[in-house]
Amino acid sequence: MFGYTEAEIAGFGLTFGVGAFMLYMLFIIGQLAWESKAGKFGTFVLFLGLAFGMVGFAAKFVIQWVLEK
């Protein structure tokens, strides 16, 4: 499609599509903390607990980028 292979389209979707979804999830967590009036520590705990899996995805991307060089 448009001169791109299926692997290139999938890589683009995985990198930018999931990245955009992760930013949206951070917005949702922040909105949850705001509406529940969690305070500073409660907000930290919400982001730590609910967004911890995103760190693994970001680390995977960075590790792949470093190993390709």
N, C-alpha and C. Protein backbone atom coordinates (compact mmCIF):
# COMPACT_ATOMS: atom_id res chain seq x y z
N MET A 1 0.85 -1.17 0.00
CA MET A 1 0.00 0.00 0.00
C MET A 1 0.89 1.24 0.00
N PHE A 2 0.76 2.07 -1.02
CA PHE A 2 1.52 3.31 -1.16
C PHE A 2 3.02 3.07 -1.12
N GLY A 3 3.48 1.90 -1.52
CA GLY A 3 4.90 1.60 -1.56
C GLY A 3 5.49 1.12 -0.25
N TYR A 4 4.66 0.86 0.75
CA TYR A 4 5.14 0.37 2.04
C TYR A 4 4.81 -1.11 2.17
N THR A 5 5.68 -1.82 2.85
CA THR A 5 5.41 -3.23 3.11
C THR A 5 4.51 -3.37 4.33
N GLU A 6 3.98 -4.56 4.50
CA GLU A 6 3.12 -4.81 5.66
C GLU A 6 3.89 -4.64 6.96
N ALA A 7 5.16 -5.05 6.97
CA ALA A 7 5.98 -4.93 8.17
C ALA A 7 6.24 -3.47 8.52
N GLU A 8 6.44 -2.62 7.51
CA GLU A 8 6.67 -1.20 7.78
C GLU A 8 5.41 -0.54 8.33
N ILE A 9 4.26 -0.90 7.81
CA ILE A 9 3.00 -0.34 8.31
C ILE A 9 2.73 -0.81 9.74
N ALA A 10 3.00 -2.08 10.00
CA ALA A 10 2.80 -2.62 11.35
C ALA A 10 3.77 -1.96 12.33
N GLY A 11 5.01 -1.75 11.93
CA GLY A 11 5.98 -1.09 12.80
C GLY A 11 5.58 0.34 13.11
N PHE A 12 5.09 1.04 12.09
CA PHE A 12 4.61 2.42 12.30
C PHE A 12 3.43 2.43 13.27
N GLY A 13 2.47 1.54 13.06
CA GLY A 13 1.31 1.47 13.93
C GLY A 13 1.67 1.11 15.35
N LEU A 14 2.61 0.19 15.49
CA LEU A 14 3.02 -0.22 16.84
C LEU A 14 3.73 0.93 17.55
N THR A 15 4.60 1.61 16.84
CA THR A 15 5.38 2.68 17.47
C THR A 15 4.52 3.91 17.77
N PHE A 16 3.87 4.44 16.76
CA PHE A 16 3.15 5.70 16.95
C PHE A 16 1.71 5.49 17.43
N GLY A 17 1.06 4.44 16.97
CA GLY A 17 -0.30 4.18 17.42
C GLY A 17 -0.38 3.84 18.89
N VAL A 18 0.47 2.94 19.32
CA VAL A 18 0.49 2.57 20.74
C VAL A 18 1.03 3.72 21.58
N GLY A 19 1.98 4.46 21.03
CA GLY A 19 2.49 5.64 21.75
C GLY A 19 1.41 6.68 21.99
N ALA A 20 0.59 6.93 20.97
CA ALA A 20 -0.52 7.88 21.12
C ALA A 20 -1.54 7.35 22.13
N PHE A 21 -1.80 6.05 22.09
CA PHE A 21 -2.72 5.45 23.05
C PHE A 21 -2.18 5.58 24.47
N MET A 22 -0.86 5.44 24.63
CA MET A 22 -0.26 5.58 25.96
C MET A 22 -0.40 7.01 26.47
N LEU A 23 -0.23 8.00 25.61
CA LEU A 23 -0.43 9.39 26.02
C LEU A 23 -1.88 9.63 26.44
N TYR A 24 -2.81 9.03 25.72
CA TYR A 24 -4.22 9.15 26.09
C TYR A 24 -4.49 8.49 27.43
N MET A 25 -3.85 7.36 27.69
CA MET A 25 -4.01 6.69 28.99
C MET A 25 -3.46 7.55 30.12
N LEU A 26 -2.34 8.24 29.87
CA LEU A 26 -1.81 9.16 30.89
C LEU A 26 -2.79 10.29 31.18
N PHE A 27 -3.44 10.79 30.13
CA PHE A 27 -4.46 11.81 30.32
C PHE A 27 -5.61 11.28 31.18
N ILE A 28 -6.04 10.05 30.92
CA ILE A 28 -7.13 9.46 31.69
C ILE A 28 -6.73 9.29 33.15
N ILE A 29 -5.50 8.85 33.41
CA ILE A 29 -5.04 8.68 34.79
C ILE A 29 -4.99 10.03 35.49
N GLY A 30 -4.49 11.06 34.80
CA GLY A 30 -4.46 12.40 35.38
C GLY A 30 -5.86 12.92 35.67
N GLN A 31 -6.79 12.67 34.76
CA GLN A 31 -8.18 13.09 34.98
C GLN A 31 -8.78 12.36 36.17
N LEU A 32 -8.48 11.08 36.32
CA LEU A 32 -8.96 10.30 37.45
C LEU A 32 -8.41 10.86 38.76
N ALA A 33 -7.13 11.21 38.77
CA ALA A 33 -6.53 11.78 39.98
C ALA A 33 -7.14 13.14 40.30
N TRP A 34 -7.42 13.93 39.27
CA TRP A 34 -8.00 15.26 39.48
C TRP A 34 -9.42 15.16 40.03
N GLU A 35 -10.24 14.30 39.45
CA GLU A 35 -11.62 14.19 39.88
C GLU A 35 -11.75 13.55 41.26
N SER A 36 -10.81 12.69 41.62
CA SER A 36 -10.89 12.05 42.94
C SER A 36 -10.20 12.88 44.02
N LYS A 37 -9.59 14.02 43.61
CA LYS A 37 -8.87 14.89 44.55
C LYS A 37 -7.86 14.07 45.35
N ALA A 38 -7.02 13.33 44.61
CA ALA A 38 -6.10 12.39 45.23
C ALA A 38 -4.94 13.05 45.97
N GLY A 39 -4.61 14.27 45.66
CA GLY A 39 -3.45 14.91 46.28
C GLY A 39 -2.18 14.51 45.56
N LYS A 40 -1.07 15.04 46.04
CA LYS A 40 0.21 14.78 45.37
C LYS A 40 0.63 13.31 45.50
N PHE A 41 0.58 12.78 46.69
CA PHE A 41 1.00 11.40 46.89
C PHE A 41 0.05 10.42 46.21
N GLY A 42 -1.25 10.68 46.31
CA GLY A 42 -2.23 9.82 45.66
C GLY A 42 -2.08 9.83 44.15
N THR A 43 -1.80 11.00 43.59
CA THR A 43 -1.56 11.10 42.15
C THR A 43 -0.32 10.32 41.76
N PHE A 44 0.72 10.43 42.57
CA PHE A 44 1.95 9.67 42.32
C PHE A 44 1.68 8.17 42.33
N VAL A 45 0.92 7.71 43.31
CA VAL A 45 0.59 6.29 43.42
C VAL A 45 -0.25 5.84 42.23
N LEU A 46 -1.20 6.66 41.80
CA LEU A 46 -2.01 6.31 40.64
C LEU A 46 -1.15 6.17 39.38
N PHE A 47 -0.28 7.15 39.16
CA PHE A 47 0.57 7.07 37.98
C PHE A 47 1.55 5.90 38.09
N LEU A 48 2.09 5.65 39.27
CA LEU A 48 3.02 4.55 39.45
C LEU A 48 2.33 3.21 39.20
N GLY A 49 1.18 3.02 39.77
CA GLY A 49 0.49 1.74 39.65
C GLY A 49 -0.13 1.50 38.30
N LEU A 50 -0.75 2.53 37.73
CA LEU A 50 -1.49 2.33 36.49
C LEU A 50 -0.65 2.52 35.24
N ALA A 51 0.44 3.25 35.35
CA ALA A 51 1.26 3.53 34.16
C ALA A 51 2.58 2.77 34.16
N PHE A 52 2.77 1.87 35.10
CA PHE A 52 4.05 1.17 35.20
C PHE A 52 4.32 0.28 33.99
N GLY A 53 3.28 -0.30 33.42
CA GLY A 53 3.45 -1.15 32.25
C GLY A 53 3.96 -0.40 31.03
N MET A 54 3.68 0.89 30.98
CA MET A 54 4.14 1.70 29.86
C MET A 54 5.66 1.85 29.87
N VAL A 55 6.25 1.77 31.03
CA VAL A 55 7.71 1.87 31.14
C VAL A 55 8.36 0.70 30.40
N GLY A 56 7.78 -0.47 30.51
CA GLY A 56 8.31 -1.64 29.81
C GLY A 56 8.26 -1.48 28.30
N PHE A 57 7.17 -0.94 27.79
CA PHE A 57 7.06 -0.71 26.35
C PHE A 57 8.09 0.31 25.89
N ALA A 58 8.24 1.40 26.63
CA ALA A 58 9.22 2.42 26.27
C ALA A 58 10.64 1.87 26.35
N ALA A 59 10.92 1.06 27.38
CA ALA A 59 12.24 0.47 27.52
C ALA A 59 12.54 -0.49 26.37
N LYS A 60 11.54 -1.25 25.94
CA LYS A 60 11.73 -2.15 24.80
C LYS A 60 12.10 -1.37 23.55
N PHE A 61 11.43 -0.27 23.32
CA PHE A 61 11.71 0.56 22.16
C PHE A 61 13.14 1.12 22.22
N VAL A 62 13.54 1.61 23.39
CA VAL A 62 14.89 2.18 23.55
C VAL A 62 15.95 1.10 23.39
N ILE A 63 15.72 -0.07 23.97
CA ILE A 63 16.70 -1.17 23.88
C ILE A 63 16.85 -1.61 22.43
N GLN A 64 15.76 -1.73 21.69
CA GLN A 64 15.85 -2.09 20.28
C GLN A 64 16.61 -1.03 19.48
N TRP A 65 16.36 0.23 19.79
CA TRP A 65 17.03 1.31 19.08
C TRP A 65 18.53 1.29 19.35
N VAL A 66 18.94 1.02 20.60
CA VAL A 66 20.36 0.99 20.96
C VAL A 66 21.04 -0.21 20.32
N LEU A 67 20.40 -1.37 20.31
CA LEU A 67 21.01 -2.57 19.77
C LEU A 67 21.13 -2.56 18.24
N GLU A 68 20.32 -1.75 17.57
CA GLU A 68 20.40 -1.67 16.12
C GLU A 68 21.62 -0.90 15.64
N LYS A 69 22.21 -0.11 16.51
CA LYS A 69 23.38 0.70 16.11
C LYS A 69 24.62 -0.10 16.09
